[in-house]
């Protein structure tokens, strides 16, 4: 599962990152690194970009870049996901 697959309100921990795209490396500088806990706040109309909460701040990420971050969901929202 990737950041792009999270549902609104769902929490996840980043487990691995594909750094082949330069934009992904820039997001890592902003705090999207392995072990970071993120919450999917919401997505814009059309689903892109996604707004994530991490370390007390909100960050907007393009869906294409979010696909490069593997995550492990946890918490109540992950239990109701099909």
N, C-alpha and C. Protein backbone atom coordinates (compact mmCIF):
# COMPACT_ATOMS: atom_id res chain seq x y z
N UNK A 1 0.84 -1.17 0.00
CA UNK A 1 0.00 0.00 0.00
C UNK A 1 0.89 1.24 0.00
N UNK A 2 0.44 2.29 -0.68
CA UNK A 2 1.22 3.53 -0.76
C UNK A 2 0.43 4.69 -0.15
N UNK A 3 1.08 5.84 -0.01
CA UNK A 3 0.39 7.03 0.48
C UNK A 3 -0.81 7.37 -0.39
N UNK A 4 -0.72 7.11 -1.68
CA UNK A 4 -1.80 7.42 -2.61
C UNK A 4 -3.05 6.56 -2.35
N UNK A 5 -2.90 5.44 -1.65
CA UNK A 5 -4.02 4.52 -1.41
C UNK A 5 -4.75 4.79 -0.10
N UNK A 6 -4.25 5.69 0.73
CA UNK A 6 -4.88 5.95 2.03
C UNK A 6 -6.24 6.61 1.87
N UNK A 7 -7.13 6.29 2.79
CA UNK A 7 -8.45 6.92 2.85
C UNK A 7 -8.38 8.15 3.76
N UNK A 8 -9.33 9.06 3.59
CA UNK A 8 -9.40 10.24 4.44
C UNK A 8 -9.49 9.83 5.90
N UNK A 9 -8.65 10.43 6.74
CA UNK A 9 -8.63 10.14 8.16
C UNK A 9 -7.75 8.98 8.56
N UNK A 10 -7.21 8.27 7.60
CA UNK A 10 -6.40 7.09 7.90
C UNK A 10 -4.98 7.48 8.28
N UNK A 11 -4.43 6.76 9.27
CA UNK A 11 -3.05 6.94 9.72
C UNK A 11 -2.18 5.82 9.15
N UNK A 12 -0.92 6.14 8.89
CA UNK A 12 0.01 5.12 8.40
C UNK A 12 1.43 5.50 8.76
N UNK A 13 2.29 4.51 8.76
CA UNK A 13 3.73 4.71 8.99
C UNK A 13 4.45 4.41 7.68
N UNK A 14 5.34 5.29 7.27
CA UNK A 14 6.11 5.08 6.04
C UNK A 14 7.11 3.96 6.29
N UNK A 15 7.09 2.94 5.43
CA UNK A 15 7.97 1.78 5.61
C UNK A 15 9.12 1.73 4.61
N UNK A 16 8.91 2.24 3.40
CA UNK A 16 9.99 2.28 2.41
C UNK A 16 9.69 3.34 1.37
N UNK A 17 10.74 3.79 0.70
CA UNK A 17 10.62 4.89 -0.26
C UNK A 17 11.40 4.55 -1.52
N UNK A 18 10.78 4.77 -2.67
CA UNK A 18 11.44 4.64 -3.97
C UNK A 18 11.97 6.02 -4.34
N UNK A 19 13.27 6.21 -4.28
CA UNK A 19 13.87 7.53 -4.48
C UNK A 19 14.29 7.79 -5.92
N UNK A 20 13.71 7.07 -6.86
CA UNK A 20 14.12 7.23 -8.27
C UNK A 20 13.65 8.54 -8.89
N UNK A 21 12.68 9.22 -8.30
CA UNK A 21 12.18 10.48 -8.83
C UNK A 21 12.72 11.64 -7.99
N UNK A 22 13.29 12.67 -8.63
CA UNK A 22 13.87 13.79 -7.87
C UNK A 22 12.88 14.47 -6.92
N UNK A 23 11.62 14.60 -7.29
CA UNK A 23 10.62 15.23 -6.44
C UNK A 23 10.41 14.47 -5.14
N UNK A 24 10.61 13.18 -5.15
CA UNK A 24 10.45 12.35 -3.96
C UNK A 24 11.54 12.70 -2.94
N UNK A 25 12.74 12.91 -3.41
CA UNK A 25 13.86 13.27 -2.53
C UNK A 25 13.57 14.60 -1.85
N UNK A 26 12.97 15.55 -2.57
CA UNK A 26 12.62 16.84 -1.96
C UNK A 26 11.58 16.67 -0.85
N UNK A 27 10.65 15.76 -1.06
CA UNK A 27 9.64 15.50 -0.02
C UNK A 27 10.27 14.87 1.22
N UNK A 28 11.31 14.08 1.03
CA UNK A 28 12.01 13.48 2.16
C UNK A 28 12.65 14.57 3.02
N UNK A 29 13.15 15.62 2.41
CA UNK A 29 13.74 16.73 3.15
C UNK A 29 12.68 17.41 4.02
N UNK A 30 11.43 17.37 3.59
CA UNK A 30 10.33 17.98 4.34
C UNK A 30 9.79 17.07 5.44
N UNK A 31 10.33 15.86 5.57
CA UNK A 31 9.95 14.99 6.68
C UNK A 31 9.32 13.66 6.30
N UNK A 32 9.06 13.42 5.02
CA UNK A 32 8.50 12.13 4.61
C UNK A 32 9.63 11.11 4.49
N UNK A 33 10.01 10.55 5.63
CA UNK A 33 11.09 9.56 5.68
C UNK A 33 10.57 8.30 6.35
N UNK A 34 11.32 7.20 6.22
CA UNK A 34 10.91 5.94 6.83
C UNK A 34 10.68 6.12 8.33
N UNK A 35 9.58 5.56 8.82
CA UNK A 35 9.24 5.64 10.23
C UNK A 35 8.31 6.79 10.58
N UNK A 36 8.15 7.74 9.69
CA UNK A 36 7.27 8.89 9.95
C UNK A 36 5.81 8.45 9.92
N UNK A 37 5.04 8.95 10.87
CA UNK A 37 3.61 8.67 10.92
C UNK A 37 2.88 9.81 10.21
N UNK A 38 2.02 9.46 9.28
CA UNK A 38 1.26 10.46 8.53
C UNK A 38 -0.23 10.18 8.66
N UNK A 39 -1.02 11.23 8.49
CA UNK A 39 -2.48 11.10 8.47
C UNK A 39 -2.98 11.74 7.18
N UNK A 40 -3.82 11.03 6.46
CA UNK A 40 -4.42 11.58 5.23
C UNK A 40 -5.56 12.49 5.65
N UNK A 41 -5.40 13.80 5.45
CA UNK A 41 -6.43 14.75 5.84
C UNK A 41 -7.56 14.80 4.83
N UNK A 42 -7.23 15.05 3.58
CA UNK A 42 -8.21 15.05 2.50
C UNK A 42 -7.50 15.24 1.16
N UNK A 43 -8.27 15.16 0.09
CA UNK A 43 -7.74 15.36 -1.25
C UNK A 43 -8.52 16.47 -1.93
N UNK A 44 -7.90 17.14 -2.87
CA UNK A 44 -8.58 18.17 -3.63
C UNK A 44 -9.63 17.54 -4.54
N UNK A 45 -10.49 18.36 -5.10
CA UNK A 45 -11.48 17.86 -6.05
C UNK A 45 -10.73 17.19 -7.19
N UNK A 46 -11.14 16.00 -7.55
CA UNK A 46 -10.44 15.24 -8.57
C UNK A 46 -9.39 14.31 -7.97
N UNK A 47 -9.13 14.45 -6.66
CA UNK A 47 -8.22 13.53 -5.99
C UNK A 47 -6.76 13.90 -5.98
N UNK A 48 -6.39 15.06 -6.53
CA UNK A 48 -4.98 15.41 -6.59
C UNK A 48 -4.84 16.91 -6.38
N UNK A 49 -4.02 17.42 -5.48
CA UNK A 49 -3.10 16.71 -4.60
C UNK A 49 -3.77 16.20 -3.33
N UNK A 50 -3.00 15.43 -2.57
CA UNK A 50 -3.43 14.90 -1.27
C UNK A 50 -2.87 15.82 -0.19
N UNK A 51 -3.62 16.00 0.88
CA UNK A 51 -3.09 16.76 2.01
C UNK A 51 -2.82 15.78 3.14
N UNK A 52 -1.59 15.78 3.61
CA UNK A 52 -1.16 14.89 4.67
C UNK A 52 -0.75 15.70 5.89
N UNK A 53 -0.95 15.12 7.06
CA UNK A 53 -0.48 15.74 8.30
C UNK A 53 0.68 14.90 8.82
N UNK A 54 1.78 15.57 9.13
CA UNK A 54 2.93 14.89 9.72
C UNK A 54 3.68 15.86 10.61
N UNK A 55 4.08 15.38 11.75
CA UNK A 55 4.85 16.17 12.71
C UNK A 55 4.22 17.53 12.99
N UNK A 56 2.89 17.57 13.10
CA UNK A 56 2.21 18.80 13.46
C UNK A 56 1.99 19.79 12.34
N UNK A 57 2.24 19.41 11.12
CA UNK A 57 2.06 20.33 9.99
C UNK A 57 1.36 19.62 8.84
N UNK A 58 0.79 20.38 7.93
CA UNK A 58 0.12 19.81 6.76
C UNK A 58 1.02 19.97 5.54
N UNK A 59 0.99 18.98 4.68
CA UNK A 59 1.82 18.97 3.48
C UNK A 59 0.98 18.44 2.32
N UNK A 60 0.98 19.15 1.21
CA UNK A 60 0.28 18.68 0.02
C UNK A 60 1.25 17.94 -0.88
N UNK A 61 0.81 16.78 -1.37
CA UNK A 61 1.66 15.90 -2.16
C UNK A 61 0.89 15.46 -3.39
N UNK A 62 1.53 15.50 -4.54
CA UNK A 62 0.91 14.99 -5.75
C UNK A 62 0.73 13.48 -5.64
N UNK A 63 -0.38 12.98 -6.15
CA UNK A 63 -0.70 11.56 -6.08
C UNK A 63 0.42 10.73 -6.74
N UNK A 64 0.97 11.19 -7.84
CA UNK A 64 2.03 10.45 -8.53
C UNK A 64 3.25 10.29 -7.62
N UNK A 65 3.62 11.32 -6.89
CA UNK A 65 4.75 11.23 -5.97
C UNK A 65 4.40 10.38 -4.75
N UNK A 66 3.15 10.45 -4.30
CA UNK A 66 2.71 9.66 -3.14
C UNK A 66 2.83 8.17 -3.40
N UNK A 67 2.77 7.75 -4.66
CA UNK A 67 2.89 6.33 -5.02
C UNK A 67 4.28 5.77 -4.77
N UNK A 68 5.25 6.63 -4.52
CA UNK A 68 6.63 6.20 -4.27
C UNK A 68 6.90 5.91 -2.79
N UNK A 69 5.89 6.13 -1.93
CA UNK A 69 6.04 5.93 -0.49
C UNK A 69 5.19 4.74 -0.04
N UNK A 70 5.83 3.64 0.30
CA UNK A 70 5.12 2.47 0.83
C UNK A 70 4.79 2.73 2.29
N UNK A 71 3.56 2.38 2.69
CA UNK A 71 3.13 2.63 4.07
C UNK A 71 2.46 1.41 4.66
N UNK A 72 2.39 1.41 5.98
CA UNK A 72 1.67 0.39 6.74
C UNK A 72 0.59 1.11 7.54
N UNK A 73 -0.68 0.93 7.17
CA UNK A 73 -1.76 1.63 7.89
C UNK A 73 -1.95 1.05 9.29
N UNK A 74 -2.47 1.88 10.19
CA UNK A 74 -2.81 1.42 11.53
C UNK A 74 -3.91 2.28 12.10
N UNK A 75 -4.49 1.85 13.20
CA UNK A 75 -5.54 2.60 13.87
C UNK A 75 -6.94 2.25 13.38
N UNK A 76 -7.95 2.86 13.96
CA UNK A 76 -9.35 2.53 13.66
C UNK A 76 -9.71 2.68 12.19
N UNK A 77 -9.20 3.70 11.51
CA UNK A 77 -9.55 3.90 10.10
C UNK A 77 -9.05 2.75 9.23
N UNK A 78 -7.91 2.14 9.58
CA UNK A 78 -7.38 1.04 8.78
C UNK A 78 -8.22 -0.22 8.96
N UNK A 79 -8.92 -0.33 10.10
CA UNK A 79 -9.73 -1.51 10.37
C UNK A 79 -11.01 -1.52 9.54
N UNK A 80 -11.50 -0.35 9.12
CA UNK A 80 -12.75 -0.31 8.34
C UNK A 80 -12.50 -0.26 6.84
N UNK A 81 -11.23 -0.16 6.44
CA UNK A 81 -10.90 -0.12 5.01
C UNK A 81 -11.12 -1.50 4.41
N UNK A 82 -11.78 -1.58 3.24
CA UNK A 82 -12.04 -2.91 2.62
C UNK A 82 -10.78 -3.58 2.13
